[in-house]
Amino acid sequence: MSNKKGRINIVYSTNPDYNYEYAQETTPETLSPEKQNLKVVLDTKQRAGKTVTLIQGFIGSEEDLKELAKLLKNKCGVGGSVKDGQILIQGAFKEKILAILHDNHYRAR
C-alpha cells in the first residue's frame, strides 16, 4: 500500500485505475555566497544566560547549511548546531564569524 499523506486534491477514489497526484518535495537551490544575505546576532534568550551567536538568512539546502556550520565551528574551535534554518555557535564570536564569512565571500552584517 502506498503512502496516502502526500495526496493532492483527492480524499478517496473508487476507480481502481486512478493515479493519485503526490506533492513533490523540492529542496531549495543554494545561492552562491555573494548572493547570500546573512545576519549574525548574539542571543541569550531561553538559554540559561549563556550567549550564543546566531547566523540567520541562509538560503539553500540543509546539507550546505550543515557544511557552513561545520566550517564556522572548526574555525572558532567551539560547538554548535543547526536548527530551524539557522546556525547556533556556542559563545560570543560575532566579530570572528563576520570575518570568516567575509573571507569566504558571504554577504553578512
PDB file of N, CA and C in Angstrom:
ATOM      1  N   MET A   1       0.841  -1.179   0.000  1.00  0.00           N
ATOM      2  CA  MET A   1       0.000   0.000   0.000  1.00  0.00           C
ATOM      3  C   MET A   1       0.884   1.239   0.000  1.00  0.00           C
ATOM      4  N   SER A   2       0.541   2.225  -0.776  1.00  0.00           N
ATOM      5  CA  SER A   2       1.357   3.435  -0.898  1.00  0.00           C
ATOM      6  C   SER A   2       1.041   4.426   0.216  1.00  0.00           C
ATOM      7  N   ASN A   3       1.906   5.410   0.361  1.00  0.00           N
ATOM      8  CA  ASN A   3       1.739   6.447   1.372  1.00  0.00           C
ATOM      9  C   ASN A   3       0.617   7.394   0.946  1.00  0.00           C
ATOM     10  N   LYS A   4      -0.372   7.603   1.811  1.00  0.00           N
ATOM     11  CA  LYS A   4      -1.535   8.420   1.473  1.00  0.00           C
ATOM     12  C   LYS A   4      -1.386   9.869   1.882  1.00  0.00           C
ATOM     13  N   LYS A   5      -0.355  10.194   2.648  1.00  0.00           N
ATOM     14  CA  LYS A   5      -0.264  11.537   3.222  1.00  0.00           C
ATOM     15  C   LYS A   5       0.054  12.631   2.209  1.00  0.00           C
ATOM     16  N   GLY A   6       0.702  12.327   1.122  1.00  0.00           N
ATOM     17  CA  GLY A   6       1.106  13.364   0.188  1.00  0.00           C
ATOM     18  C   GLY A   6       0.137  13.594  -0.953  1.00  0.00           C
ATOM     19  N   ARG A   7      -1.055  13.014  -0.882  1.00  0.00           N
ATOM     20  CA  ARG A   7      -2.012  13.163  -1.974  1.00  0.00           C
ATOM     21  C   ARG A   7      -2.521  14.594  -2.081  1.00  0.00           C
ATOM     22  N   ILE A   8      -2.722  15.023  -3.326  1.00  0.00           N
ATOM     23  CA  ILE A   8      -3.180  16.385  -3.588  1.00  0.00           C
ATOM     24  C   ILE A   8      -4.603  16.344  -4.135  1.00  0.00           C
ATOM     25  N   ASN A   9      -5.473  17.180  -3.594  1.00  0.00           N
ATOM     26  CA  ASN A   9      -6.827  17.430  -4.114  1.00  0.00           C
ATOM     27  C   ASN A   9      -7.707  16.195  -4.216  1.00  0.00           C
ATOM     28  N   ILE A  10      -7.495  15.169  -3.451  1.00  0.00           N
ATOM     29  CA  ILE A  10      -8.356  13.996  -3.501  1.00  0.00           C
ATOM     30  C   ILE A  10      -8.392  13.335  -2.131  1.00  0.00           C
ATOM     31  N   VAL A  11      -9.550  12.896  -1.745  1.00  0.00           N
ATOM     32  CA  VAL A  11      -9.687  12.196  -0.480  1.00  0.00           C
ATOM     33  C   VAL A  11      -9.762  10.698  -0.740  1.00  0.00           C
ATOM     34  N   TYR A  12     -10.621  10.291  -1.695  1.00  0.00           N
ATOM     35  CA  TYR A  12     -10.819   8.881  -1.965  1.00  0.00           C
ATOM     36  C   TYR A  12     -11.357   8.729  -3.378  1.00  0.00           C
ATOM     37  N   SER A  13     -10.955   7.667  -4.070  1.00  0.00           N
ATOM     38  CA  SER A  13     -11.470   7.386  -5.391  1.00  0.00           C
ATOM     39  C   SER A  13     -11.835   5.910  -5.476  1.00  0.00           C
ATOM     40  N   THR A  14     -13.000   5.613  -6.059  1.00  0.00           N
ATOM     41  CA  THR A  14     -13.416   4.228  -6.242  1.00  0.00           C
ATOM     42  C   THR A  14     -12.888   3.639  -7.536  1.00  0.00           C
ATOM     43  N   ASN A  15     -12.298   4.450  -8.382  1.00  0.00           N
ATOM     44  CA  ASN A  15     -11.732   3.986  -9.638  1.00  0.00           C
ATOM     45  C   ASN A  15     -10.430   3.236  -9.353  1.00  0.00           C
ATOM     46  N   PRO A  16     -10.362   1.930  -9.675  1.00  0.00           N
ATOM     47  CA  PRO A  16      -9.141   1.174  -9.367  1.00  0.00           C
ATOM     48  C   PRO A  16      -7.938   1.583 -10.228  1.00  0.00           C
ATOM     49  N   ASP A  17      -8.186   2.249 -11.356  1.00  0.00           N
ATOM     50  CA  ASP A  17      -7.097   2.660 -12.242  1.00  0.00           C
ATOM     51  C   ASP A  17      -6.672   4.103 -12.027  1.00  0.00           C
ATOM     52  N   TYR A  18      -7.249   4.773 -11.016  1.00  0.00           N
ATOM     53  CA  TYR A  18      -6.933   6.182 -10.766  1.00  0.00           C
ATOM     54  C   TYR A  18      -5.530   6.317 -10.186  1.00  0.00           C
ATOM     55  N   ASN A  19      -4.753   7.245 -10.744  1.00  0.00           N
ATOM     56  CA  ASN A  19      -3.409   7.527 -10.231  1.00  0.00           C
ATOM     57  C   ASN A  19      -3.450   8.807  -9.419  1.00  0.00           C
ATOM     58  N   TYR A  20      -3.082   8.690  -8.175  1.00  0.00           N
ATOM     59  CA  TYR A  20      -3.072   9.851  -7.292  1.00  0.00           C
ATOM     60  C   TYR A  20      -1.901  10.758  -7.626  1.00  0.00           C
ATOM     61  N   GLU A  21      -2.123  12.073  -7.438  1.00  0.00           N
ATOM     62  CA  GLU A  21      -1.035  13.041  -7.558  1.00  0.00           C
ATOM     63  C   GLU A  21      -0.449  13.251  -6.172  1.00  0.00           C
ATOM     64  N   TYR A  22       0.857  13.190  -6.072  1.00  0.00           N
ATOM     65  CA  TYR A  22       1.529  13.367  -4.785  1.00  0.00           C
ATOM     66  C   TYR A  22       2.324  14.665  -4.795  1.00  0.00           C
ATOM     67  N   ALA A  23       2.398  15.286  -3.635  1.00  0.00           N
ATOM     68  CA  ALA A  23       3.164  16.524  -3.504  1.00  0.00           C
ATOM     69  C   ALA A  23       4.651  16.216  -3.687  1.00  0.00           C
ATOM     70  N   GLN A  24       5.300  17.006  -4.493  1.00  0.00           N
ATOM     71  CA  GLN A  24       6.728  16.842  -4.730  1.00  0.00           C
ATOM     72  C   GLN A  24       7.501  17.677  -3.739  1.00  0.00           C
ATOM     73  N   GLU A  25       8.407  17.037  -3.020  1.00  0.00           N
ATOM     74  CA  GLU A  25       9.248  17.782  -2.094  1.00  0.00           C
ATOM     75  C   GLU A  25      10.444  18.327  -2.858  1.00  0.00           C
ATOM     76  N   THR A  26      10.562  19.630  -2.847  1.00  0.00           N
ATOM     77  CA  THR A  26      11.674  20.252  -3.549  1.00  0.00           C
ATOM     78  C   THR A  26      12.654  20.809  -2.540  1.00  0.00           C
ATOM     79  N   THR A  27      13.927  20.643  -2.830  1.00  0.00           N
ATOM     80  CA  THR A  27      14.950  21.227  -1.984  1.00  0.00           C
ATOM     81  C   THR A  27      15.339  22.565  -2.596  1.00  0.00           C
ATOM     82  N   PRO A  28      15.411  23.599  -1.793  1.00  0.00           N
ATOM     83  CA  PRO A  28      15.759  24.903  -2.353  1.00  0.00           C
ATOM     84  C   PRO A  28      17.181  24.899  -2.892  1.00  0.00           C
ATOM     85  N   GLU A  29      17.359  25.560  -4.000  1.00  0.00           N
ATOM     86  CA  GLU A  29      18.686  25.649  -4.606  1.00  0.00           C
ATOM     87  C   GLU A  29      19.531  26.620  -3.789  1.00  0.00           C
ATOM     88  N   THR A  30      20.755  26.211  -3.509  1.00  0.00           N
ATOM     89  CA  THR A  30      21.636  27.034  -2.695  1.00  0.00           C
ATOM     90  C   THR A  30      22.174  28.190  -3.527  1.00  0.00           C
ATOM     91  N   LEU A  31      21.992  29.390  -3.003  1.00  0.00           N
ATOM     92  CA  LEU A  31      22.521  30.573  -3.677  1.00  0.00           C
ATOM     93  C   LEU A  31      24.029  30.636  -3.496  1.00  0.00           C
ATOM     94  N   SER A  32      24.690  31.313  -4.408  1.00  0.00           N
ATOM     95  CA  SER A  32      26.132  31.483  -4.277  1.00  0.00           C
ATOM     96  C   SER A  32      26.426  32.379  -3.074  1.00  0.00           C
ATOM     97  N   PRO A  33      27.632  32.277  -2.492  1.00  0.00           N
ATOM     98  CA  PRO A  33      27.948  33.086  -1.306  1.00  0.00           C
ATOM     99  C   PRO A  33      27.766  34.589  -1.519  1.00  0.00           C
ATOM    100  N   GLU A  34      28.010  35.074  -2.727  1.00  0.00           N
ATOM    101  CA  GLU A  34      27.878  36.506  -2.988  1.00  0.00           C
ATOM    102  C   GLU A  34      26.423  36.966  -2.916  1.00  0.00           C
ATOM    103  N   LYS A  35      25.490  36.052  -3.164  1.00  0.00           N
ATOM    104  CA  LYS A  35      24.072  36.412  -3.161  1.00  0.00           C
ATOM    105  C   LYS A  35      23.392  36.150  -1.817  1.00  0.00           C
ATOM    106  N   GLN A  36      24.074  35.458  -0.916  1.00  0.00           N
ATOM    107  CA  GLN A  36      23.514  35.197   0.410  1.00  0.00           C
ATOM    108  C   GLN A  36      23.511  36.491   1.218  1.00  0.00           C
ATOM    109  N   ASN A  37      22.477  36.701   1.983  1.00  0.00           N
ATOM    110  CA  ASN A  37      22.383  37.877   2.844  1.00  0.00           C
ATOM    111  C   ASN A  37      22.220  37.386   4.281  1.00  0.00           C
ATOM    112  N   LEU A  38      23.338  37.098   4.942  1.00  0.00           N
ATOM    113  CA  LEU A  38      23.320  36.510   6.273  1.00  0.00           C
ATOM    114  C   LEU A  38      23.309  37.581   7.354  1.00  0.00           C
ATOM    115  N   LYS A  39      22.679  37.262   8.463  1.00  0.00           N
ATOM    116  CA  LYS A  39      22.609  38.168   9.601  1.00  0.00           C
ATOM    117  C   LYS A  39      23.213  37.446  10.800  1.00  0.00           C
ATOM    118  N   VAL A  40      24.199  38.061  11.447  1.00  0.00           N
ATOM    119  CA  VAL A  40      24.884  37.478  12.595  1.00  0.00           C
ATOM    120  C   VAL A  40      24.492  38.281  13.830  1.00  0.00           C
ATOM    121  N   VAL A  41      23.908  37.588  14.817  1.00  0.00           N
ATOM    122  CA  VAL A  41      23.463  38.257  16.043  1.00  0.00           C
ATOM    123  C   VAL A  41      23.865  37.426  17.260  1.00  0.00           C
ATOM    124  N   LEU A  42      24.028  38.122  18.388  1.00  0.00           N
ATOM    125  CA  LEU A  42      24.256  37.451  19.665  1.00  0.00           C
ATOM    126  C   LEU A  42      22.914  37.289  20.353  1.00  0.00           C
ATOM    127  N   ASP A  43      22.726  36.149  21.032  1.00  0.00           N
ATOM    128  CA  ASP A  43      21.436  35.879  21.652  1.00  0.00           C
ATOM    129  C   ASP A  43      21.648  35.142  22.968  1.00  0.00           C
ATOM    130  N   THR A  44      20.807  35.454  23.975  1.00  0.00           N
ATOM    131  CA  THR A  44      20.846  34.739  25.254  1.00  0.00           C
ATOM    132  C   THR A  44      19.461  34.268  25.673  1.00  0.00           C
ATOM    133  N   LYS A  45      18.449  34.492  24.869  1.00  0.00           N
ATOM    134  CA  LYS A  45      17.083  34.159  25.235  1.00  0.00           C
ATOM    135  C   LYS A  45      16.898  32.649  25.362  1.00  0.00           C
ATOM    136  N   GLN A  46      16.271  32.229  26.446  1.00  0.00           N
ATOM    137  CA  GLN A  46      15.926  30.840  26.718  1.00  0.00           C
ATOM    138  C   GLN A  46      17.136  29.908  26.670  1.00  0.00           C
ATOM    139  N   ARG A  47      18.282  30.413  27.072  1.00  0.00           N
ATOM    140  CA  ARG A  47      19.496  29.602  27.071  1.00  0.00           C
ATOM    141  C   ARG A  47      20.205  29.675  28.421  1.00  0.00           C
ATOM    142  N   ALA A  48      19.485  29.888  29.474  1.00  0.00           N
ATOM    143  CA  ALA A  48      20.007  29.931  30.846  1.00  0.00           C
ATOM    144  C   ALA A  48      21.132  30.946  30.992  1.00  0.00           C
ATOM    145  N   GLY A  49      21.022  32.070  30.291  1.00  0.00           N
ATOM    146  CA  GLY A  49      22.008  33.130  30.419  1.00  0.00           C
ATOM    147  C   GLY A  49      23.264  32.933  29.593  1.00  0.00           C
ATOM    148  N   LYS A  50      23.386  31.814  28.897  1.00  0.00           N
ATOM    149  CA  LYS A  50      24.571  31.568  28.078  1.00  0.00           C
ATOM    150  C   LYS A  50      24.410  32.263  26.728  1.00  0.00           C
ATOM    151  N   THR A  51      25.499  32.824  26.237  1.00  0.00           N
ATOM    152  CA  THR A  51      25.473  33.560  24.980  1.00  0.00           C
ATOM    153  C   THR A  51      25.759  32.623  23.816  1.00  0.00           C
ATOM    154  N   VAL A  52      24.976  32.759  22.763  1.00  0.00           N
ATOM    155  CA  VAL A  52      25.238  32.037  21.514  1.00  0.00           C
ATOM    156  C   VAL A  52      25.233  33.040  20.376  1.00  0.00           C
ATOM    157  N   THR A  53      25.920  32.692  19.312  1.00  0.00           N
ATOM    158  CA  THR A  53      25.939  33.507  18.107  1.00  0.00           C
ATOM    159  C   THR A  53      25.042  32.833  17.080  1.00  0.00           C
ATOM    160  N   LEU A  54      24.062  33.557  16.565  1.00  0.00           N
ATOM    161  CA  LEU A  54      23.128  33.027  15.580  1.00  0.00           C
ATOM    162  C   LEU A  54      23.466  33.563  14.200  1.00  0.00           C
ATOM    163  N   ILE A  55      23.468  32.680  13.210  1.00  0.00           N
ATOM    164  CA  ILE A  55      23.624  33.074  11.815  1.00  0.00           C
ATOM    165  C   ILE A  55      22.304  32.747  11.127  1.00  0.00           C
ATOM    166  N   GLN A  56      21.616  33.784  10.646  1.00  0.00           N
ATOM    167  CA  GLN A  56      20.284  33.624  10.066  1.00  0.00           C
ATOM    168  C   GLN A  56      20.297  34.063   8.608  1.00  0.00           C
ATOM    169  N   GLY A  57      19.288  33.592   7.857  1.00  0.00           N
ATOM    170  CA  GLY A  57      19.082  34.069   6.495  1.00  0.00           C
ATOM    171  C   GLY A  57      19.725  33.234   5.411  1.00  0.00           C
ATOM    172  N   PHE A  58      20.219  32.038   5.729  1.00  0.00           N
ATOM    173  CA  PHE A  58      20.840  31.188   4.711  1.00  0.00           C
ATOM    174  C   PHE A  58      19.759  30.611   3.815  1.00  0.00           C
ATOM    175  N   ILE A  59      19.950  30.716   2.505  1.00  0.00           N
ATOM    176  CA  ILE A  59      19.001  30.173   1.541  1.00  0.00           C
ATOM    177  C   ILE A  59      19.697  29.046   0.801  1.00  0.00           C
ATOM    178  N   GLY A  60      19.191  27.831   0.998  1.00  0.00           N
ATOM    179  CA  GLY A  60      19.794  26.696   0.330  1.00  0.00           C
ATOM    180  C   GLY A  60      19.428  25.389   0.986  1.00  0.00           C
ATOM    181  N   SER A  61      20.136  24.344   0.592  1.00  0.00           N
ATOM    182  CA  SER A  61      19.832  23.006   1.090  1.00  0.00           C
ATOM    183  C   SER A  61      20.358  22.826   2.508  1.00  0.00           C
ATOM    184  N   GLU A  62      19.804  21.847   3.188  1.00  0.00           N
ATOM    185  CA  GLU A  62      20.186  21.544   4.563  1.00  0.00           C
ATOM    186  C   GLU A  62      21.644  21.082   4.636  1.00  0.00           C
ATOM    187  N   GLU A  63      22.092  20.345   3.617  1.00  0.00           N
ATOM    188  CA  GLU A  63      23.476  19.855   3.603  1.00  0.00           C
ATOM    189  C   GLU A  63      24.468  21.008   3.512  1.00  0.00           C
ATOM    190  N   ASP A  64      24.161  22.001   2.679  1.00  0.00           N
ATOM    191  CA  ASP A  64      25.055  23.152   2.543  1.00  0.00           C
ATOM    192  C   ASP A  64      25.070  23.982   3.819  1.00  0.00           C
ATOM    193  N   LEU A  65      23.931  24.076   4.484  1.00  0.00           N
ATOM    194  CA  LEU A  65      23.866  24.799   5.756  1.00  0.00           C
ATOM    195  C   LEU A  65      24.715  24.090   6.810  1.00  0.00           C
ATOM    196  N   LYS A  66      24.634  22.769   6.850  1.00  0.00           N
ATOM    197  CA  LYS A  66      25.444  21.999   7.801  1.00  0.00           C
ATOM    198  C   LYS A  66      26.925  22.122   7.481  1.00  0.00           C
ATOM    199  N   GLU A  67      27.263  22.189   6.217  1.00  0.00           N
ATOM    200  CA  GLU A  67      28.668  22.344   5.814  1.00  0.00           C
ATOM    201  C   GLU A  67      29.215  23.701   6.261  1.00  0.00           C
ATOM    202  N   LEU A  68      28.416  24.749   6.114  1.00  0.00           N
ATOM    203  CA  LEU A  68      28.829  26.074   6.579  1.00  0.00           C
ATOM    204  C   LEU A  68      28.959  26.084   8.099  1.00  0.00           C
ATOM    205  N   ALA A  69      28.034  25.429   8.798  1.00  0.00           N
ATOM    206  CA  ALA A  69      28.114  25.361  10.259  1.00  0.00           C
ATOM    207  C   ALA A  69      29.375  24.636  10.696  1.00  0.00           C
ATOM    208  N   LYS A  70      29.721  23.575  10.004  1.00  0.00           N
ATOM    209  CA  LYS A  70      30.937  22.817  10.337  1.00  0.00           C
ATOM    210  C   LYS A  70      32.175  23.682  10.153  1.00  0.00           C
ATOM    211  N   LEU A  71      32.217  24.466   9.071  1.00  0.00           N
ATOM    212  CA  LEU A  71      33.343  25.368   8.837  1.00  0.00           C
ATOM    213  C   LEU A  71      33.475  26.384   9.959  1.00  0.00           C
ATOM    214  N   LEU A  72      32.346  26.998  10.345  1.00  0.00           N
ATOM    215  CA  LEU A  72      32.374  28.012  11.400  1.00  0.00           C
ATOM    216  C   LEU A  72      32.761  27.416  12.748  1.00  0.00           C
ATOM    217  N   LYS A  73      32.253  26.234  13.064  1.00  0.00           N
ATOM    218  CA  LYS A  73      32.585  25.595  14.338  1.00  0.00           C
ATOM    219  C   LYS A  73      34.072  25.239  14.396  1.00  0.00           C
ATOM    220  N   ASN A  74      34.618  24.763  13.278  1.00  0.00           N
ATOM    221  CA  ASN A  74      36.046  24.418  13.240  1.00  0.00           C
ATOM    222  C   ASN A  74      36.930  25.646  13.373  1.00  0.00           C
ATOM    223  N   LYS A  75      36.579  26.727  12.693  1.00  0.00           N
ATOM    224  CA  LYS A  75      37.387  27.950  12.747  1.00  0.00           C
ATOM    225  C   LYS A  75      37.348  28.603  14.123  1.00  0.00           C
ATOM    226  N   CYS A  76      36.185  28.510  14.794  1.00  0.00           N
ATOM    227  CA  CYS A  76      36.053  29.118  16.123  1.00  0.00           C
ATOM    228  C   CYS A  76      36.502  28.174  17.237  1.00  0.00           C
ATOM    229  N   GLY A  77      36.582  26.885  16.947  1.00  0.00           N
ATOM    230  CA  GLY A  77      37.000  25.925  17.949  1.00  0.00           C
ATOM    231  C   GLY A  77      35.972  25.687  19.039  1.00  0.00           C
ATOM    232  N   VAL A  78      34.697  25.788  18.683  1.00  0.00           N
ATOM    233  CA  VAL A  78      33.614  25.604  19.656  1.00  0.00           C
ATOM    234  C   VAL A  78      32.551  24.691  19.062  1.00  0.00           C
ATOM    235  N   GLY A  79      31.553  24.376  19.865  1.00  0.00           N
ATOM    236  CA  GLY A  79      30.433  23.575  19.410  1.00  0.00           C
ATOM    237  C   GLY A  79      29.326  24.435  18.864  1.00  0.00           C
ATOM    238  N   GLY A  80      28.341  23.773  18.332  1.00  0.00           N
ATOM    239  CA  GLY A  80      27.191  24.477  17.790  1.00  0.00           C
ATOM    240  C   GLY A  80      26.241  23.498  17.153  1.00  0.00           C
ATOM    241  N   SER A  81      25.199  24.017  16.536  1.00  0.00           N
ATOM    242  CA  SER A  81      24.223  23.155  15.882  1.00  0.00           C
ATOM    243  C   SER A  81      23.487  23.925  14.801  1.00  0.00           C
ATOM    244  N   VAL A  82      22.680  23.174  14.045  1.00  0.00           N
ATOM    245  CA  VAL A  82      21.826  23.752  13.009  1.00  0.00           C
ATOM    246  C   VAL A  82      20.393  23.434  13.392  1.00  0.00           C
ATOM    247  N   LYS A  83      19.570  24.477  13.591  1.00  0.00           N
ATOM    248  CA  LYS A  83      18.160  24.290  13.940  1.00  0.00           C
ATOM    249  C   LYS A  83      17.322  25.317  13.213  1.00  0.00           C
ATOM    250  N   ASP A  84      16.236  24.861  12.642  1.00  0.00           N
ATOM    251  CA  ASP A  84      15.241  25.737  12.011  1.00  0.00           C
ATOM    252  C   ASP A  84      15.852  26.694  10.990  1.00  0.00           C
ATOM    253  N   GLY A  85      16.805  26.221  10.207  1.00  0.00           N
ATOM    254  CA  GLY A  85      17.401  27.046   9.170  1.00  0.00           C
ATOM    255  C   GLY A  85      18.381  28.082   9.670  1.00  0.00           C
ATOM    256  N   GLN A  86      18.820  27.989  10.917  1.00  0.00           N
ATOM    257  CA  GLN A  86      19.828  28.910  11.433  1.00  0.00           C
ATOM    258  C   GLN A  86      20.944  28.131  12.115  1.00  0.00           C
ATOM    259  N   ILE A  87      22.104  28.735  12.157  1.00  0.00           N
ATOM    260  CA  ILE A  87      23.274  28.122  12.767  1.00  0.00           C
ATOM    261  C   ILE A  87      23.464  28.735  14.145  1.00  0.00           C
ATOM    262  N   LEU A  88      23.640  27.886  15.163  1.00  0.00           N
ATOM    263  CA  LEU A  88      23.912  28.335  16.526  1.00  0.00           C
ATOM    264  C   LEU A  88      25.356  27.971  16.853  1.00  0.00           C
ATOM    265  N   ILE A  89      26.161  28.967  17.194  1.00  0.00           N
ATOM    266  CA  ILE A  89      27.540  28.758  17.607  1.00  0.00           C
ATOM    267  C   ILE A  89      27.632  29.132  19.078  1.00  0.00           C
ATOM    268  N   GLN A  90      28.181  28.240  19.899  1.00  0.00           N
ATOM    269  CA  GLN A  90      28.270  28.496  21.330  1.00  0.00           C
ATOM    270  C   GLN A  90      29.307  29.569  21.615  1.00  0.00           C
ATOM    271  N   GLY A  91      28.906  30.607  22.336  1.00  0.00           N
ATOM    272  CA  GLY A  91      29.818  31.683  22.703  1.00  0.00           C
ATOM    273  C   GLY A  91      29.586  32.944  21.904  1.00  0.00           C
ATOM    274  N   ALA A  92      30.262  34.010  22.309  1.00  0.00           N
ATOM    275  CA  ALA A  92      30.139  35.314  21.655  1.00  0.00           C
ATOM    276  C   ALA A  92      31.264  35.474  20.637  1.00  0.00           C
ATOM    277  N   PHE A  93      31.023  35.059  19.403  1.00  0.00           N
ATOM    278  CA  PHE A  93      32.026  35.094  18.340  1.00  0.00           C
ATOM    279  C   PHE A  93      31.553  35.914  17.150  1.00  0.00           C
ATOM    280  N   LYS A  94      30.800  36.977  17.396  1.00  0.00           N
ATOM    281  CA  LYS A  94      30.200  37.740  16.303  1.00  0.00           C
ATOM    282  C   LYS A  94      31.249  38.302  15.349  1.00  0.00           C
ATOM    283  N   GLU A  95      32.260  38.974  15.875  1.00  0.00           N
ATOM    284  CA  GLU A  95      33.271  39.595  15.007  1.00  0.00           C
ATOM    285  C   GLU A  95      34.085  38.549  14.249  1.00  0.00           C
ATOM    286  N   LYS A  96      34.447  37.469  14.925  1.00  0.00           N
ATOM    287  CA  LYS A  96      35.237  36.420  14.281  1.00  0.00           C
ATOM    288  C   LYS A  96      34.436  35.736  13.170  1.00  0.00           C
ATOM    289  N   ILE A  97      33.157  35.480  13.422  1.00  0.00           N
ATOM    290  CA  ILE A  97      32.312  34.840  12.411  1.00  0.00           C
ATOM    291  C   ILE A  97      32.090  35.768  11.225  1.00  0.00           C
ATOM    292  N   LEU A  98      31.900  37.053  11.495  1.00  0.00           N
ATOM    293  CA  LEU A  98      31.769  38.014  10.387  1.00  0.00           C
ATOM    294  C   LEU A  98      33.023  38.012   9.523  1.00  0.00           C
ATOM    295  N   ALA A  99      34.196  37.965  10.142  1.00  0.00           N
ATOM    296  CA  ALA A  99      35.458  37.935   9.389  1.00  0.00           C
ATOM    297  C   ALA A  99      35.564  36.651   8.559  1.00  0.00           C
ATOM    298  N   ILE A 100      35.188  35.520   9.129  1.00  0.00           N
ATOM    299  CA  ILE A 100      35.246  34.240   8.408  1.00  0.00           C
ATOM    300  C   ILE A 100      34.288  34.255   7.224  1.00  0.00           C
ATOM    301  N   LEU A 101      33.074  34.767   7.436  1.00  0.00           N
ATOM    302  CA  LEU A 101      32.097  34.819   6.353  1.00  0.00           C
ATOM    303  C   LEU A 101      32.552  35.748   5.230  1.00  0.00           C
ATOM    304  N   HIS A 102      33.136  36.898   5.596  1.00  0.00           N
ATOM    305  CA  HIS A 102      33.623  37.824   4.564  1.00  0.00           C
ATOM    306  C   HIS A 102      34.802  37.216   3.807  1.00  0.00           C
ATOM    307  N   ASP A 103      35.663  36.460   4.490  1.00  0.00           N
ATOM    308  CA  ASP A 103      36.773  35.791   3.812  1.00  0.00           C
ATOM    309  C   ASP A 103      36.291  34.743   2.814  1.00  0.00           C
ATOM    310  N   ASN A 104      35.120  34.146   3.087  1.00  0.00           N
ATOM    311  CA  ASN A 104      34.534  33.139   2.192  1.00  0.00           C
ATOM    312  C   ASN A 104      33.528  33.761   1.224  1.00  0.00           C
ATOM    313  N   HIS A 105      33.550  35.079   1.082  1.00  0.00           N
ATOM    314  CA  HIS A 105      32.767  35.843   0.116  1.00  0.00           C
ATOM    315  C   HIS A 105      31.272  35.850   0.403  1.00  0.00           C
ATOM    316  N   TYR A 106      30.862  35.632   1.645  1.00  0.00           N
ATOM    317  CA  TYR A 106      29.459  35.758   2.025  1.00  0.00           C
ATOM    318  C   TYR A 106      29.151  37.200   2.358  1.00  0.00           C
ATOM    319  N   ARG A 107      27.940  37.629   2.022  1.00  0.00           N
ATOM    320  CA  ARG A 107      27.469  38.945   2.450  1.00  0.00           C
ATOM    321  C   ARG A 107      26.859  38.785   3.814  1.00  0.00           C
ATOM    322  N   ALA A 108      27.447  39.407   4.815  1.00  0.00           N
ATOM    323  CA  ALA A 108      26.950  39.260   6.183  1.00  0.00           C
ATOM    324  C   ALA A 108      27.010  40.606   6.897  1.00  0.00           C
ATOM    325  N   ARG A 109      26.076  40.790   7.821  1.00  0.00           N
ATOM    326  CA  ARG A 109      26.056  42.002   8.635  1.00  0.00           C
ATOM    327  C   ARG A 109      25.737  41.641  10.047  1.00  0.00           C
TER     328      ARG A 109
END
